[in-house]
Amino acid sequence: MIGKSGSISVLISRIGQVGFAADESRKLTGVELRPDGLARLERETGSTVLDPSAVVAVAWHGETENPPGQFL
């Protein structure tokens, strides 16, 4: 997923589905597990921090794939 174009959908408990576009200008450039236990998803345009213990499911939708994509 790092460096590829597509989209990432994350199902987070008590919140719902959160989507991250990863197109040519916003590709995922890194993932880091911080010392406080939170995960940081870094893109060319900024970053997002989430609690991995609240993640229920993750799906990757590549540009060349038809839904439902790959569930991780």
PDB file of N, CA and C in Angstrom:
ATOM      1  N   MET A   1       0.812  -1.187   0.000  1.00  0.00           N
ATOM      2  CA  MET A   1       0.000   0.000   0.000  1.00  0.00           C
ATOM      3  C   MET A   1       0.863   1.261   0.000  1.00  0.00           C
ATOM      4  N   ILE A   2       2.035   1.167   0.582  1.00  0.00           N
ATOM      5  CA  ILE A   2       2.894   2.355   0.634  1.00  0.00           C
ATOM      6  C   ILE A   2       3.398   2.663  -0.779  1.00  0.00           C
ATOM      7  N   GLY A   3       3.159   3.898  -1.210  1.00  0.00           N
ATOM      8  CA  GLY A   3       3.603   4.346  -2.516  1.00  0.00           C
ATOM      9  C   GLY A   3       2.671   4.012  -3.667  1.00  0.00           C
ATOM     10  N   LYS A   4       1.566   3.327  -3.408  1.00  0.00           N
ATOM     11  CA  LYS A   4       0.634   2.941  -4.462  1.00  0.00           C
ATOM     12  C   LYS A   4      -0.589   3.856  -4.452  1.00  0.00           C
ATOM     13  N   SER A   5      -1.221   3.999  -5.607  1.00  0.00           N
ATOM     14  CA  SER A   5      -2.440   4.790  -5.708  1.00  0.00           C
ATOM     15  C   SER A   5      -3.651   3.903  -5.465  1.00  0.00           C
ATOM     16  N   GLY A   6      -4.654   4.455  -4.817  1.00  0.00           N
ATOM     17  CA  GLY A   6      -5.884   3.738  -4.513  1.00  0.00           C
ATOM     18  C   GLY A   6      -6.562   4.398  -3.327  1.00  0.00           C
ATOM     19  N   SER A   7      -7.263   3.611  -2.531  1.00  0.00           N
ATOM     20  CA  SER A   7      -7.885   4.152  -1.324  1.00  0.00           C
ATOM     21  C   SER A   7      -7.858   3.104  -0.223  1.00  0.00           C
ATOM     22  N   ILE A   8      -7.867   3.585   1.004  1.00  0.00           N
ATOM     23  CA  ILE A   8      -7.862   2.732   2.182  1.00  0.00           C
ATOM     24  C   ILE A   8      -9.129   3.033   2.969  1.00  0.00           C
ATOM     25  N   SER A   9      -9.892   1.985   3.293  1.00  0.00           N
ATOM     26  CA  SER A   9     -11.072   2.136   4.144  1.00  0.00           C
ATOM     27  C   SER A   9     -10.783   1.433   5.459  1.00  0.00           C
ATOM     28  N   VAL A  10     -11.018   2.121   6.559  1.00  0.00           N
ATOM     29  CA  VAL A  10     -10.774   1.567   7.888  1.00  0.00           C
ATOM     30  C   VAL A  10     -12.085   1.605   8.659  1.00  0.00           C
ATOM     31  N   LEU A  11     -12.505   0.466   9.198  1.00  0.00           N
ATOM     32  CA  LEU A  11     -13.689   0.399  10.048  1.00  0.00           C
ATOM     33  C   LEU A  11     -13.223   0.508  11.493  1.00  0.00           C
ATOM     34  N   ILE A  12     -13.637   1.571  12.177  1.00  0.00           N
ATOM     35  CA  ILE A  12     -13.207   1.843  13.541  1.00  0.00           C
ATOM     36  C   ILE A  12     -14.412   1.735  14.473  1.00  0.00           C
ATOM     37  N   SER A  13     -14.260   0.951  15.552  1.00  0.00           N
ATOM     38  CA  SER A  13     -15.363   0.769  16.493  1.00  0.00           C
ATOM     39  C   SER A  13     -15.771   2.108  17.100  1.00  0.00           C
ATOM     40  N   ARG A  14     -17.043   2.270  17.320  1.00  0.00           N
ATOM     41  CA  ARG A  14     -17.685   3.462  17.891  1.00  0.00           C
ATOM     42  C   ARG A  14     -17.595   4.689  16.984  1.00  0.00           C
ATOM     43  N   ILE A  15     -16.946   4.582  15.820  1.00  0.00           N
ATOM     44  CA  ILE A  15     -16.855   5.718  14.895  1.00  0.00           C
ATOM     45  C   ILE A  15     -17.508   5.369  13.564  1.00  0.00           C
ATOM     46  N   GLY A  16     -17.137   4.238  12.995  1.00  0.00           N
ATOM     47  CA  GLY A  16     -17.635   3.834  11.695  1.00  0.00           C
ATOM     48  C   GLY A  16     -16.511   3.777  10.680  1.00  0.00           C
ATOM     49  N   GLN A  17     -16.880   3.903   9.415  1.00  0.00           N
ATOM     50  CA  GLN A  17     -15.898   3.798   8.335  1.00  0.00           C
ATOM     51  C   GLN A  17     -15.205   5.130   8.104  1.00  0.00           C
ATOM     52  N   VAL A  18     -13.889   5.059   7.944  1.00  0.00           N
ATOM     53  CA  VAL A  18     -13.072   6.223   7.626  1.00  0.00           C
ATOM     54  C   VAL A  18     -12.288   5.874   6.368  1.00  0.00           C
ATOM     55  N   GLY A  19     -12.296   6.774   5.391  1.00  0.00           N
ATOM     56  CA  GLY A  19     -11.594   6.520   4.146  1.00  0.00           C
ATOM     57  C   GLY A  19     -10.427   7.473   3.950  1.00  0.00           C
ATOM     58  N   PHE A  20      -9.370   6.964   3.345  1.00  0.00           N
ATOM     59  CA  PHE A  20      -8.184   7.755   3.037  1.00  0.00           C
ATOM     60  C   PHE A  20      -7.884   7.587   1.554  1.00  0.00           C
ATOM     61  N   ALA A  21      -7.929   8.675   0.799  1.00  0.00           N
ATOM     62  CA  ALA A  21      -7.555   8.613  -0.614  1.00  0.00           C
ATOM     63  C   ALA A  21      -6.044   8.566  -0.721  1.00  0.00           C
ATOM     64  N   ALA A  22      -5.563   7.772  -1.648  1.00  0.00           N
ATOM     65  CA  ALA A  22      -4.118   7.669  -1.883  1.00  0.00           C
ATOM     66  C   ALA A  22      -3.881   7.779  -3.382  1.00  0.00           C
ATOM     67  N   ASP A  23      -4.148   8.969  -3.925  1.00  0.00           N
ATOM     68  CA  ASP A  23      -3.945   9.170  -5.357  1.00  0.00           C
ATOM     69  C   ASP A  23      -2.527   9.672  -5.624  1.00  0.00           C
ATOM     70  N   GLU A  24      -2.273  10.102  -6.835  1.00  0.00           N
ATOM     71  CA  GLU A  24      -0.917  10.520  -7.221  1.00  0.00           C
ATOM     72  C   GLU A  24      -0.331  11.592  -6.298  1.00  0.00           C
ATOM     73  N   SER A  25      -1.165  12.496  -5.796  1.00  0.00           N
ATOM     74  CA  SER A  25      -0.641  13.581  -4.953  1.00  0.00           C
ATOM     75  C   SER A  25      -0.754  13.290  -3.454  1.00  0.00           C
ATOM     76  N   ARG A  26      -1.386  12.166  -3.088  1.00  0.00           N
ATOM     77  CA  ARG A  26      -1.581  11.864  -1.663  1.00  0.00           C
ATOM     78  C   ARG A  26      -1.252  10.408  -1.339  1.00  0.00           C
ATOM     79  N   LYS A  27      -0.196   9.891  -1.902  1.00  0.00           N
ATOM     80  CA  LYS A  27       0.177   8.498  -1.649  1.00  0.00           C
ATOM     81  C   LYS A  27       0.607   8.298  -0.205  1.00  0.00           C
ATOM     82  N   LEU A  28       0.332   7.109   0.304  1.00  0.00           N
ATOM     83  CA  LEU A  28       0.790   6.722   1.635  1.00  0.00           C
ATOM     84  C   LEU A  28       2.303   6.568   1.569  1.00  0.00           C
ATOM     85  N   THR A  29       3.018   7.299   2.422  1.00  0.00           N
ATOM     86  CA  THR A  29       4.480   7.263   2.389  1.00  0.00           C
ATOM     87  C   THR A  29       5.084   6.531   3.580  1.00  0.00           C
ATOM     88  N   GLY A  30       4.291   6.262   4.612  1.00  0.00           N
ATOM     89  CA  GLY A  30       4.831   5.548   5.765  1.00  0.00           C
ATOM     90  C   GLY A  30       3.784   5.240   6.809  1.00  0.00           C
ATOM     91  N   VAL A  31       4.052   4.236   7.603  1.00  0.00           N
ATOM     92  CA  VAL A  31       3.211   3.851   8.738  1.00  0.00           C
ATOM     93  C   VAL A  31       4.137   3.676   9.924  1.00  0.00           C
ATOM     94  N   GLU A  32       3.775   4.265  11.055  1.00  0.00           N
ATOM     95  CA  GLU A  32       4.626   4.212  12.241  1.00  0.00           C
ATOM     96  C   GLU A  32       3.777   3.876  13.465  1.00  0.00           C
ATOM     97  N   LEU A  33       4.244   2.966  14.289  1.00  0.00           N
ATOM     98  CA  LEU A  33       3.626   2.711  15.581  1.00  0.00           C
ATOM     99  C   LEU A  33       4.358   3.576  16.591  1.00  0.00           C
ATOM    100  N   ARG A  34       3.641   4.536  17.150  1.00  0.00           N
ATOM    101  CA  ARG A  34       4.255   5.499  18.068  1.00  0.00           C
ATOM    102  C   ARG A  34       4.456   4.883  19.458  1.00  0.00           C
ATOM    103  N   PRO A  35       5.330   5.464  20.289  1.00  0.00           N
ATOM    104  CA  PRO A  35       5.568   4.950  21.646  1.00  0.00           C
ATOM    105  C   PRO A  35       4.309   4.928  22.517  1.00  0.00           C
ATOM    106  N   ASP A  36       3.333   5.812  22.230  1.00  0.00           N
ATOM    107  CA  ASP A  36       2.099   5.826  23.015  1.00  0.00           C
ATOM    108  C   ASP A  36       1.090   4.780  22.548  1.00  0.00           C
ATOM    109  N   GLY A  37       1.480   3.946  21.552  1.00  0.00           N
ATOM    110  CA  GLY A  37       0.619   2.862  21.085  1.00  0.00           C
ATOM    111  C   GLY A  37      -0.280   3.236  19.919  1.00  0.00           C
ATOM    112  N   LEU A  38      -0.318   4.499  19.533  1.00  0.00           N
ATOM    113  CA  LEU A  38      -1.140   4.927  18.412  1.00  0.00           C
ATOM    114  C   LEU A  38      -0.379   4.722  17.107  1.00  0.00           C
ATOM    115  N   ALA A  39      -1.106   4.546  16.022  1.00  0.00           N
ATOM    116  CA  ALA A  39      -0.501   4.358  14.704  1.00  0.00           C
ATOM    117  C   ALA A  39      -0.609   5.653  13.911  1.00  0.00           C
ATOM    118  N   ARG A  40       0.465   5.988  13.227  1.00  0.00           N
ATOM    119  CA  ARG A  40       0.479   7.196  12.396  1.00  0.00           C
ATOM    120  C   ARG A  40       0.598   6.781  10.935  1.00  0.00           C
ATOM    121  N   LEU A  41      -0.390   7.183  10.127  1.00  0.00           N
ATOM    122  CA  LEU A  41      -0.359   6.959   8.688  1.00  0.00           C
ATOM    123  C   LEU A  41       0.104   8.253   8.059  1.00  0.00           C
ATOM    124  N   GLU A  42       1.208   8.204   7.339  1.00  0.00           N
ATOM    125  CA  GLU A  42       1.790   9.414   6.775  1.00  0.00           C
ATOM    126  C   GLU A  42       1.586   9.422   5.260  1.00  0.00           C
ATOM    127  N   ARG A  43       1.083  10.570   4.753  1.00  0.00           N
ATOM    128  CA  ARG A  43       0.905  10.758   3.322  1.00  0.00           C
ATOM    129  C   ARG A  43       1.713  11.970   2.885  1.00  0.00           C
ATOM    130  N   GLU A  44       1.835  12.150   1.579  1.00  0.00           N
ATOM    131  CA  GLU A  44       2.596  13.275   1.049  1.00  0.00           C
ATOM    132  C   GLU A  44       1.983  14.607   1.475  1.00  0.00           C
ATOM    133  N   THR A  45       0.690  14.633   1.779  1.00  0.00           N
ATOM    134  CA  THR A  45      -0.001  15.872   2.129  1.00  0.00           C
ATOM    135  C   THR A  45      -0.241  16.037   3.624  1.00  0.00           C
ATOM    136  N   GLY A  46       0.215  15.110   4.449  1.00  0.00           N
ATOM    137  CA  GLY A  46      -0.002  15.207   5.896  1.00  0.00           C
ATOM    138  C   GLY A  46      -0.076  13.826   6.518  1.00  0.00           C
ATOM    139  N   SER A  47      -0.574  13.762   7.741  1.00  0.00           N
ATOM    140  CA  SER A  47      -0.641  12.478   8.428  1.00  0.00           C
ATOM    141  C   SER A  47      -1.942  12.362   9.214  1.00  0.00           C
ATOM    142  N   THR A  48      -2.253  11.116   9.590  1.00  0.00           N
ATOM    143  CA  THR A  48      -3.432  10.800  10.386  1.00  0.00           C
ATOM    144  C   THR A  48      -2.990   9.867  11.496  1.00  0.00           C
ATOM    145  N   VAL A  49      -3.500  10.068  12.696  1.00  0.00           N
ATOM    146  CA  VAL A  49      -3.177   9.209  13.835  1.00  0.00           C
ATOM    147  C   VAL A  49      -4.445   8.488  14.259  1.00  0.00           C
ATOM    148  N   LEU A  50      -4.336   7.172  14.494  1.00  0.00           N
ATOM    149  CA  LEU A  50      -5.495   6.412  14.968  1.00  0.00           C
ATOM    150  C   LEU A  50      -5.066   5.380  15.995  1.00  0.00           C
ATOM    151  N   ASP A  51      -6.043   4.918  16.752  1.00  0.00           N
ATOM    152  CA  ASP A  51      -5.807   3.909  17.787  1.00  0.00           C
ATOM    153  C   ASP A  51      -6.000   2.532  17.162  1.00  0.00           C
ATOM    154  N   PRO A  52      -4.936   1.744  16.984  1.00  0.00           N
ATOM    155  CA  PRO A  52      -5.077   0.445  16.325  1.00  0.00           C
ATOM    156  C   PRO A  52      -5.961  -0.539  17.095  1.00  0.00           C
ATOM    157  N   SER A  53      -6.131  -0.348  18.394  1.00  0.00           N
ATOM    158  CA  SER A  53      -6.999  -1.262  19.153  1.00  0.00           C
ATOM    159  C   SER A  53      -8.468  -1.060  18.808  1.00  0.00           C
ATOM    160  N   ALA A  54      -8.811   0.064  18.184  1.00  0.00           N
ATOM    161  CA  ALA A  54     -10.199   0.347  17.796  1.00  0.00           C
ATOM    162  C   ALA A  54     -10.486  -0.071  16.354  1.00  0.00           C
ATOM    163  N   VAL A  55      -9.459  -0.504  15.611  1.00  0.00           N
ATOM    164  CA  VAL A  55      -9.643  -0.885  14.209  1.00  0.00           C
ATOM    165  C   VAL A  55     -10.267  -2.275  14.138  1.00  0.00           C
ATOM    166  N   VAL A  56     -11.393  -2.358  13.419  1.00  0.00           N
ATOM    167  CA  VAL A  56     -12.094  -3.629  13.252  1.00  0.00           C
ATOM    168  C   VAL A  56     -11.687  -4.300  11.939  1.00  0.00           C
ATOM    169  N   ALA A  57     -11.557  -3.506  10.871  1.00  0.00           N
ATOM    170  CA  ALA A  57     -11.203  -4.045   9.550  1.00  0.00           C
ATOM    171  C   ALA A  57     -10.530  -2.963   8.714  1.00  0.00           C
ATOM    172  N   VAL A  58      -9.712  -3.413   7.762  1.00  0.00           N
ATOM    173  CA  VAL A  58      -9.050  -2.506   6.826  1.00  0.00           C
ATOM    174  C   VAL A  58      -9.218  -3.100   5.429  1.00  0.00           C
ATOM    175  N   ALA A  59      -9.585  -2.251   4.457  1.00  0.00           N
ATOM    176  CA  ALA A  59      -9.699  -2.693   3.065  1.00  0.00           C
ATOM    177  C   ALA A  59      -8.884  -1.768   2.179  1.00  0.00           C
ATOM    178  N   TRP A  60      -8.173  -2.356   1.228  1.00  0.00           N
ATOM    179  CA  TRP A  60      -7.379  -1.601   0.259  1.00  0.00           C
ATOM    180  C   TRP A  60      -8.055  -1.738  -1.102  1.00  0.00           C
ATOM    181  N   HIS A  61      -8.285  -0.618  -1.753  1.00  0.00           N
ATOM    182  CA  HIS A  61      -8.883  -0.601  -3.079  1.00  0.00           C
ATOM    183  C   HIS A  61      -7.875   0.026  -4.032  1.00  0.00           C
ATOM    184  N   GLY A  62      -7.162  -0.803  -4.786  1.00  0.00           N
ATOM    185  CA  GLY A  62      -6.192  -0.296  -5.752  1.00  0.00           C
ATOM    186  C   GLY A  62      -6.899   0.287  -6.959  1.00  0.00           C
ATOM    187  N   GLU A  63      -6.225   1.131  -7.700  1.00  0.00           N
ATOM    188  CA  GLU A  63      -6.826   1.767  -8.869  1.00  0.00           C
ATOM    189  C   GLU A  63      -7.255   0.767  -9.931  1.00  0.00           C
ATOM    190  N   THR A  64      -6.559  -0.333 -10.051  1.00  0.00           N
ATOM    191  CA  THR A  64      -6.859  -1.294 -11.112  1.00  0.00           C
ATOM    192  C   THR A  64      -7.797  -2.402 -10.665  1.00  0.00           C
ATOM    193  N   GLU A  65      -8.193  -2.414  -9.400  1.00  0.00           N
ATOM    194  CA  GLU A  65      -9.043  -3.484  -8.877  1.00  0.00           C
ATOM    195  C   GLU A  65     -10.492  -3.036  -8.818  1.00  0.00           C
ATOM    196  N   ASN A  66     -11.384  -3.985  -9.010  1.00  0.00           N
ATOM    197  CA  ASN A  66     -12.803  -3.723  -8.806  1.00  0.00           C
ATOM    198  C   ASN A  66     -13.133  -4.007  -7.354  1.00  0.00           C
ATOM    199  N   PRO A  67     -14.148  -3.337  -6.784  1.00  0.00           N
ATOM    200  CA  PRO A  67     -14.530  -3.621  -5.393  1.00  0.00           C
ATOM    201  C   PRO A  67     -14.794  -5.093  -5.224  1.00  0.00           C
ATOM    202  N   PRO A  68     -14.594  -5.716  -4.098  1.00  0.00           N
ATOM    203  CA  PRO A  68     -14.382  -5.075  -2.812  1.00  0.00           C
ATOM    204  C   PRO A  68     -12.940  -4.805  -2.448  1.00  0.00           C
ATOM    205  N   GLY A  69     -11.982  -5.056  -3.296  1.00  0.00           N
ATOM    206  CA  GLY A  69     -10.591  -4.783  -2.935  1.00  0.00           C
ATOM    207  C   GLY A  69     -10.005  -5.898  -2.096  1.00  0.00           C
ATOM    208  N   GLN A  70      -8.949  -5.592  -1.382  1.00  0.00           N
ATOM    209  CA  GLN A  70      -8.284  -6.572  -0.534  1.00  0.00           C
ATOM    210  C   GLN A  70      -8.528  -6.203   0.919  1.00  0.00           C
ATOM    211  N   PHE A  71      -9.034  -7.180   1.690  1.00  0.00           N
ATOM    212  CA  PHE A  71      -9.256  -6.942   3.109  1.00  0.00           C
ATOM    213  C   PHE A  71      -8.014  -7.374   3.863  1.00  0.00           C
ATOM    214  N   LEU A  72      -7.521  -6.488   4.726  1.00  0.00           N
ATOM    215  CA  LEU A  72      -6.274  -6.746   5.448  1.00  0.00           C
ATOM    216  C   LEU A  72      -6.555  -7.027   6.907  1.00  0.00           C
TER     217      LEU A  72
END
